[in-house]
Amino acid sequence: MRINDPVLLAEVTHAFHAYETALMADDIPAMDALFHDAPTTNRYGVGEVLYGIEEIRAFRKGRGGSPQRKLGRVAITVYGDTFATADAEFFREGSDHRGRQTQSWVRFADGWKVVSAHVSLEGSTS
């Protein structure tokens, strides 16, 4: 298996940063386009557990935008031709807690999509 094919790594890196831009702008259609549209797509957040794209969409619509943040270290790895992981540290404005985000990306016919995501804050219990 090839790890980090340069072309595929560039594609996933672009998709990752497109998602981050959409997240900071609360661009719900763009975020939705980057998540796999399926009941098997899941997201665990700092205070929520969401199973299926419909729960994820409902959460985004009701949230009123993500807290603003700056990315720290980002590690993206592509395994073969169709699977990748993206691990990122982030720092929310006004907080000294480091956040962590992990995304699993799968390459579908219509591009790279998040199929699983997990977000947490260091030192946070909720």
N, C-alpha and C. Protein backbone atom coordinates (compact mmCIF):
# COMPACT_ATOMS: atom_id res chain seq x y z
N MET A 1 0.85 -1.18 0.00
CA MET A 1 0.00 0.00 0.00
C MET A 1 0.89 1.24 0.00
N ARG A 2 0.52 2.18 -0.82
CA ARG A 2 1.27 3.43 -0.89
C ARG A 2 0.74 4.39 0.17
N ILE A 3 1.64 5.02 0.89
CA ILE A 3 1.29 6.01 1.91
C ILE A 3 1.68 7.39 1.38
N ASN A 4 0.74 8.33 1.46
CA ASN A 4 0.96 9.73 1.11
C ASN A 4 1.39 9.97 -0.33
N ASP A 5 0.64 9.35 -1.26
CA ASP A 5 0.82 9.71 -2.66
C ASP A 5 0.70 11.24 -2.74
N PRO A 6 1.66 11.92 -3.35
CA PRO A 6 1.65 13.40 -3.30
C PRO A 6 0.40 14.03 -3.90
N VAL A 7 -0.13 13.47 -4.97
CA VAL A 7 -1.34 14.05 -5.59
C VAL A 7 -2.53 13.89 -4.65
N LEU A 8 -2.69 12.69 -4.09
CA LEU A 8 -3.81 12.44 -3.19
C LEU A 8 -3.66 13.23 -1.89
N LEU A 9 -2.45 13.34 -1.39
CA LEU A 9 -2.22 14.14 -0.18
C LEU A 9 -2.60 15.60 -0.42
N ALA A 10 -2.28 16.12 -1.60
CA ALA A 10 -2.67 17.50 -1.93
C ALA A 10 -4.20 17.63 -2.00
N GLU A 11 -4.88 16.62 -2.54
CA GLU A 11 -6.33 16.65 -2.63
C GLU A 11 -6.97 16.67 -1.23
N VAL A 12 -6.52 15.78 -0.36
CA VAL A 12 -7.09 15.72 0.99
C VAL A 12 -6.76 16.98 1.77
N THR A 13 -5.55 17.48 1.62
CA THR A 13 -5.15 18.71 2.31
C THR A 13 -6.04 19.86 1.86
N HIS A 14 -6.31 19.94 0.58
CA HIS A 14 -7.21 20.98 0.06
C HIS A 14 -8.61 20.83 0.65
N ALA A 15 -9.13 19.61 0.68
CA ALA A 15 -10.47 19.36 1.23
C ALA A 15 -10.51 19.71 2.71
N PHE A 16 -9.47 19.34 3.46
CA PHE A 16 -9.40 19.66 4.88
C PHE A 16 -9.47 21.18 5.11
N HIS A 17 -8.68 21.93 4.35
CA HIS A 17 -8.68 23.39 4.54
C HIS A 17 -9.97 24.03 4.02
N ALA A 18 -10.58 23.44 3.01
CA ALA A 18 -11.89 23.93 2.56
C ALA A 18 -12.92 23.75 3.67
N TYR A 19 -12.85 22.63 4.37
CA TYR A 19 -13.77 22.41 5.49
C TYR A 19 -13.50 23.43 6.60
N GLU A 20 -12.25 23.66 6.93
CA GLU A 20 -11.92 24.62 8.00
C GLU A 20 -12.43 26.02 7.63
N THR A 21 -12.27 26.42 6.38
CA THR A 21 -12.77 27.72 5.92
C THR A 21 -14.29 27.78 6.06
N ALA A 22 -14.97 26.72 5.64
CA ALA A 22 -16.43 26.67 5.75
C ALA A 22 -16.87 26.70 7.21
N LEU A 23 -16.17 25.98 8.07
CA LEU A 23 -16.49 25.96 9.49
C LEU A 23 -16.40 27.35 10.11
N MET A 24 -15.33 28.07 9.81
CA MET A 24 -15.14 29.40 10.40
C MET A 24 -16.14 30.42 9.84
N ALA A 25 -16.65 30.18 8.63
CA ALA A 25 -17.63 31.08 8.02
C ALA A 25 -19.07 30.64 8.28
N ASP A 26 -19.25 29.51 8.99
CA ASP A 26 -20.56 28.91 9.20
C ASP A 26 -21.28 28.70 7.87
N ASP A 27 -20.53 28.23 6.88
CA ASP A 27 -21.06 27.93 5.55
C ASP A 27 -21.58 26.49 5.58
N ILE A 28 -22.83 26.34 6.01
CA ILE A 28 -23.41 25.01 6.20
C ILE A 28 -23.46 24.21 4.91
N PRO A 29 -23.87 24.78 3.77
CA PRO A 29 -23.86 23.98 2.54
C PRO A 29 -22.46 23.44 2.18
N ALA A 30 -21.44 24.26 2.38
CA ALA A 30 -20.08 23.80 2.09
C ALA A 30 -19.65 22.70 3.05
N MET A 31 -19.99 22.84 4.34
CA MET A 31 -19.66 21.79 5.30
C MET A 31 -20.38 20.50 4.94
N ASP A 32 -21.67 20.61 4.62
CA ASP A 32 -22.45 19.43 4.24
C ASP A 32 -21.85 18.74 3.01
N ALA A 33 -21.36 19.51 2.06
CA ALA A 33 -20.79 18.94 0.84
C ALA A 33 -19.51 18.16 1.11
N LEU A 34 -18.85 18.45 2.22
CA LEU A 34 -17.59 17.77 2.56
C LEU A 34 -17.78 16.60 3.52
N PHE A 35 -18.99 16.39 4.00
CA PHE A 35 -19.31 15.22 4.82
C PHE A 35 -20.09 14.23 3.97
N HIS A 36 -19.81 12.96 4.12
CA HIS A 36 -20.51 11.92 3.36
C HIS A 36 -21.99 11.93 3.75
N ASP A 37 -22.85 11.99 2.76
CA ASP A 37 -24.29 12.07 2.95
C ASP A 37 -24.84 10.66 3.19
N ALA A 38 -24.74 10.20 4.45
CA ALA A 38 -25.16 8.83 4.76
C ALA A 38 -25.49 8.69 6.24
N PRO A 39 -26.33 7.73 6.60
CA PRO A 39 -26.64 7.48 8.01
C PRO A 39 -25.45 6.88 8.76
N THR A 40 -24.40 6.47 8.05
CA THR A 40 -23.21 5.90 8.68
C THR A 40 -22.16 6.94 9.02
N THR A 41 -22.39 8.20 8.65
CA THR A 41 -21.44 9.27 8.96
C THR A 41 -21.71 9.77 10.37
N ASN A 42 -20.66 9.83 11.19
CA ASN A 42 -20.82 10.20 12.60
C ASN A 42 -19.87 11.32 12.99
N ARG A 43 -20.28 12.04 14.05
CA ARG A 43 -19.46 13.13 14.58
C ARG A 43 -19.63 13.19 16.08
N TYR A 44 -18.52 13.07 16.80
CA TYR A 44 -18.51 13.30 18.24
C TYR A 44 -17.90 14.67 18.47
N GLY A 45 -18.64 15.55 19.13
CA GLY A 45 -18.15 16.89 19.40
C GLY A 45 -17.79 17.05 20.86
N VAL A 46 -17.46 18.27 21.24
CA VAL A 46 -17.11 18.57 22.62
C VAL A 46 -18.28 18.28 23.54
N GLY A 47 -19.50 18.55 23.09
CA GLY A 47 -20.66 18.33 23.94
C GLY A 47 -21.78 17.57 23.29
N GLU A 48 -21.53 16.93 22.15
CA GLU A 48 -22.60 16.24 21.45
C GLU A 48 -22.07 14.96 20.82
N VAL A 49 -22.99 14.03 20.61
CA VAL A 49 -22.71 12.76 19.94
C VAL A 49 -23.75 12.64 18.83
N LEU A 50 -23.30 12.61 17.60
CA LEU A 50 -24.21 12.69 16.46
C LEU A 50 -24.01 11.48 15.55
N TYR A 51 -25.07 10.72 15.36
CA TYR A 51 -25.04 9.56 14.49
C TYR A 51 -25.85 9.84 13.24
N GLY A 52 -25.19 9.78 12.10
CA GLY A 52 -25.85 9.99 10.82
C GLY A 52 -25.81 11.44 10.39
N ILE A 53 -25.81 11.64 9.08
CA ILE A 53 -25.70 12.98 8.52
C ILE A 53 -26.87 13.87 8.92
N GLU A 54 -28.06 13.31 9.12
CA GLU A 54 -29.21 14.15 9.49
C GLU A 54 -29.02 14.76 10.87
N GLU A 55 -28.49 14.01 11.83
CA GLU A 55 -28.21 14.58 13.16
C GLU A 55 -27.11 15.64 13.07
N ILE A 56 -26.11 15.40 12.23
CA ILE A 56 -25.03 16.38 12.05
C ILE A 56 -25.60 17.67 11.46
N ARG A 57 -26.44 17.55 10.44
CA ARG A 57 -27.04 18.73 9.82
C ARG A 57 -27.92 19.50 10.80
N ALA A 58 -28.72 18.79 11.58
CA ALA A 58 -29.59 19.46 12.55
C ALA A 58 -28.76 20.21 13.59
N PHE A 59 -27.67 19.60 14.03
CA PHE A 59 -26.78 20.27 14.99
C PHE A 59 -26.20 21.55 14.39
N ARG A 60 -25.71 21.47 13.17
CA ARG A 60 -25.10 22.65 12.53
C ARG A 60 -26.12 23.78 12.38
N LYS A 61 -27.32 23.44 11.97
CA LYS A 61 -28.35 24.47 11.77
C LYS A 61 -28.74 25.14 13.08
N GLY A 62 -28.73 24.41 14.18
CA GLY A 62 -29.13 24.96 15.47
C GLY A 62 -28.02 25.59 16.26
N ARG A 63 -26.78 25.40 15.84
CA ARG A 63 -25.63 25.86 16.62
C ARG A 63 -25.39 27.36 16.51
N GLY A 64 -25.62 27.94 15.36
CA GLY A 64 -25.34 29.36 15.19
C GLY A 64 -23.87 29.65 14.96
N GLY A 65 -23.16 28.70 14.43
CA GLY A 65 -21.75 28.90 14.10
C GLY A 65 -20.80 28.29 15.10
N SER A 66 -19.64 27.97 14.63
CA SER A 66 -18.59 27.39 15.47
C SER A 66 -17.82 28.49 16.18
N PRO A 67 -17.34 28.21 17.39
CA PRO A 67 -16.42 29.17 18.00
C PRO A 67 -15.20 29.38 17.09
N GLN A 68 -14.77 30.60 16.96
CA GLN A 68 -13.62 30.89 16.11
C GLN A 68 -12.36 30.27 16.71
N ARG A 69 -11.45 29.86 15.83
CA ARG A 69 -10.25 29.18 16.29
C ARG A 69 -9.13 29.35 15.28
N LYS A 70 -7.94 29.02 15.74
CA LYS A 70 -6.76 28.99 14.88
C LYS A 70 -6.21 27.57 14.93
N LEU A 71 -5.79 27.08 13.78
CA LEU A 71 -5.20 25.76 13.74
C LEU A 71 -3.78 25.77 14.27
N GLY A 72 -3.43 24.69 14.95
CA GLY A 72 -2.04 24.44 15.34
C GLY A 72 -1.48 23.41 14.36
N ARG A 73 -0.86 22.40 14.91
CA ARG A 73 -0.26 21.36 14.08
C ARG A 73 -1.35 20.54 13.41
N VAL A 74 -1.14 20.24 12.14
CA VAL A 74 -2.06 19.41 11.36
C VAL A 74 -1.25 18.27 10.75
N ALA A 75 -1.74 17.04 10.90
CA ALA A 75 -1.10 15.86 10.32
C ALA A 75 -2.13 15.13 9.46
N ILE A 76 -1.87 15.08 8.16
CA ILE A 76 -2.76 14.40 7.23
C ILE A 76 -1.99 13.24 6.62
N THR A 77 -2.62 12.07 6.61
CA THR A 77 -1.99 10.88 6.04
C THR A 77 -2.99 10.19 5.13
N VAL A 78 -2.54 9.85 3.93
CA VAL A 78 -3.37 9.13 2.96
C VAL A 78 -2.86 7.70 2.86
N TYR A 79 -3.78 6.76 3.00
CA TYR A 79 -3.48 5.33 2.94
C TYR A 79 -4.08 4.76 1.67
N GLY A 80 -3.25 4.34 0.75
CA GLY A 80 -3.76 3.82 -0.52
C GLY A 80 -4.37 4.94 -1.34
N ASP A 81 -5.46 4.59 -2.03
CA ASP A 81 -6.10 5.54 -2.94
C ASP A 81 -7.40 6.13 -2.42
N THR A 82 -7.94 5.58 -1.30
CA THR A 82 -9.30 5.97 -0.94
C THR A 82 -9.53 6.28 0.53
N PHE A 83 -8.50 6.28 1.37
CA PHE A 83 -8.70 6.54 2.79
C PHE A 83 -7.61 7.47 3.31
N ALA A 84 -8.04 8.39 4.19
CA ALA A 84 -7.09 9.33 4.78
C ALA A 84 -7.55 9.72 6.18
N THR A 85 -6.59 10.14 6.98
CA THR A 85 -6.90 10.70 8.29
C THR A 85 -6.33 12.11 8.36
N ALA A 86 -7.04 12.95 9.11
CA ALA A 86 -6.57 14.32 9.36
C ALA A 86 -6.68 14.57 10.86
N ASP A 87 -5.55 14.85 11.47
CA ASP A 87 -5.49 15.14 12.90
C ASP A 87 -4.99 16.56 13.06
N ALA A 88 -5.74 17.35 13.83
CA ALA A 88 -5.38 18.76 13.96
C ALA A 88 -5.52 19.22 15.41
N GLU A 89 -4.60 20.09 15.80
CA GLU A 89 -4.74 20.83 17.05
C GLU A 89 -5.32 22.19 16.70
N PHE A 90 -6.15 22.72 17.60
CA PHE A 90 -6.68 24.07 17.38
C PHE A 90 -6.78 24.80 18.71
N PHE A 91 -6.87 26.11 18.61
CA PHE A 91 -6.95 26.96 19.79
C PHE A 91 -8.09 27.96 19.58
N ARG A 92 -9.12 27.84 20.42
CA ARG A 92 -10.26 28.74 20.32
C ARG A 92 -9.88 30.12 20.83
N GLU A 93 -10.47 31.13 20.21
CA GLU A 93 -10.25 32.50 20.66
C GLU A 93 -10.69 32.64 22.11
N GLY A 94 -9.84 33.26 22.94
CA GLY A 94 -10.18 33.53 24.33
C GLY A 94 -9.99 32.35 25.27
N SER A 95 -9.38 31.27 24.79
CA SER A 95 -9.18 30.09 25.63
C SER A 95 -7.74 29.61 25.51
N ASP A 96 -7.22 29.10 26.62
CA ASP A 96 -5.87 28.55 26.58
C ASP A 96 -5.89 27.02 26.45
N HIS A 97 -7.09 26.44 26.34
CA HIS A 97 -7.19 24.98 26.15
C HIS A 97 -6.92 24.62 24.70
N ARG A 98 -6.11 23.59 24.53
CA ARG A 98 -5.87 23.08 23.18
C ARG A 98 -7.03 22.17 22.80
N GLY A 99 -7.51 22.33 21.58
CA GLY A 99 -8.52 21.44 21.04
C GLY A 99 -7.87 20.43 20.11
N ARG A 100 -8.59 19.32 19.93
CA ARG A 100 -8.10 18.28 19.03
C ARG A 100 -9.23 17.85 18.12
N GLN A 101 -8.89 17.60 16.89
CA GLN A 101 -9.89 17.18 15.91
C GLN A 101 -9.30 16.05 15.09
N THR A 102 -10.06 14.99 14.93
CA THR A 102 -9.67 13.88 14.08
C THR A 102 -10.78 13.65 13.07
N GLN A 103 -10.39 13.51 11.82
CA GLN A 103 -11.35 13.22 10.76
C GLN A 103 -10.86 12.02 9.96
N SER A 104 -11.80 11.15 9.60
CA SER A 104 -11.53 10.07 8.66
C SER A 104 -12.16 10.46 7.34
N TRP A 105 -11.37 10.45 6.28
CA TRP A 105 -11.82 10.85 4.94
C TRP A 105 -11.81 9.64 4.02
N VAL A 106 -12.82 9.52 3.18
CA VAL A 106 -12.90 8.47 2.17
C VAL A 106 -13.10 9.13 0.81
N ARG A 107 -12.43 8.59 -0.18
CA ARG A 107 -12.57 9.12 -1.54
C ARG A 107 -13.71 8.39 -2.25
N PHE A 108 -14.75 9.15 -2.54
CA PHE A 108 -15.91 8.65 -3.26
C PHE A 108 -15.86 9.17 -4.70
N ALA A 109 -16.80 8.75 -5.52
CA ALA A 109 -16.84 9.21 -6.91
C ALA A 109 -16.94 10.73 -7.00
N ASP A 110 -17.59 11.35 -6.01
CA ASP A 110 -17.75 12.82 -6.03
C ASP A 110 -16.72 13.53 -5.16
N GLY A 111 -15.64 12.86 -4.80
CA GLY A 111 -14.54 13.51 -4.08
C GLY A 111 -14.34 12.99 -2.67
N TRP A 112 -13.41 13.62 -1.97
CA TRP A 112 -13.07 13.25 -0.59
C TRP A 112 -14.14 13.76 0.36
N LYS A 113 -14.61 12.87 1.25
CA LYS A 113 -15.67 13.20 2.20
C LYS A 113 -15.29 12.69 3.59
N VAL A 114 -15.67 13.46 4.62
CA VAL A 114 -15.51 13.01 6.00
C VAL A 114 -16.58 11.97 6.29
N VAL A 115 -16.16 10.83 6.85
CA VAL A 115 -17.11 9.79 7.24
C VAL A 115 -17.20 9.65 8.76
N SER A 116 -16.21 10.22 9.45
CA SER A 116 -16.19 10.18 10.91
C SER A 116 -15.34 11.33 11.42
N ALA A 117 -15.83 12.00 12.48
CA ALA A 117 -15.09 13.13 13.04
C ALA A 117 -15.23 13.12 14.56
N HIS A 118 -14.19 13.59 15.21
CA HIS A 118 -14.18 13.68 16.67
C HIS A 118 -13.48 14.97 17.07
N VAL A 119 -14.13 15.75 17.93
CA VAL A 119 -13.59 17.02 18.39
C VAL A 119 -13.60 17.00 19.92
N SER A 120 -12.49 17.41 20.52
CA SER A 120 -12.44 17.48 21.99
C SER A 120 -11.55 18.65 22.40
N LEU A 121 -11.72 19.05 23.65
CA LEU A 121 -10.89 20.10 24.24
C LEU A 121 -10.08 19.49 25.36
N GLU A 122 -8.79 19.78 25.39
CA GLU A 122 -7.93 19.29 26.45
C GLU A 122 -8.39 19.85 27.79
N GLY A 123 -8.51 18.99 28.76
CA GLY A 123 -8.90 19.43 30.10
C GLY A 123 -10.39 19.68 30.26
N SER A 124 -11.17 19.34 29.23
CA SER A 124 -12.61 19.56 29.28
C SER A 124 -13.33 18.26 29.57
N THR A 125 -14.37 18.34 30.37
CA THR A 125 -15.19 17.17 30.65
C THR A 125 -16.51 17.23 29.90
N SER A 126 -16.75 18.30 29.17
CA SER A 126 -17.97 18.38 28.37
C SER A 126 -17.70 19.07 27.07
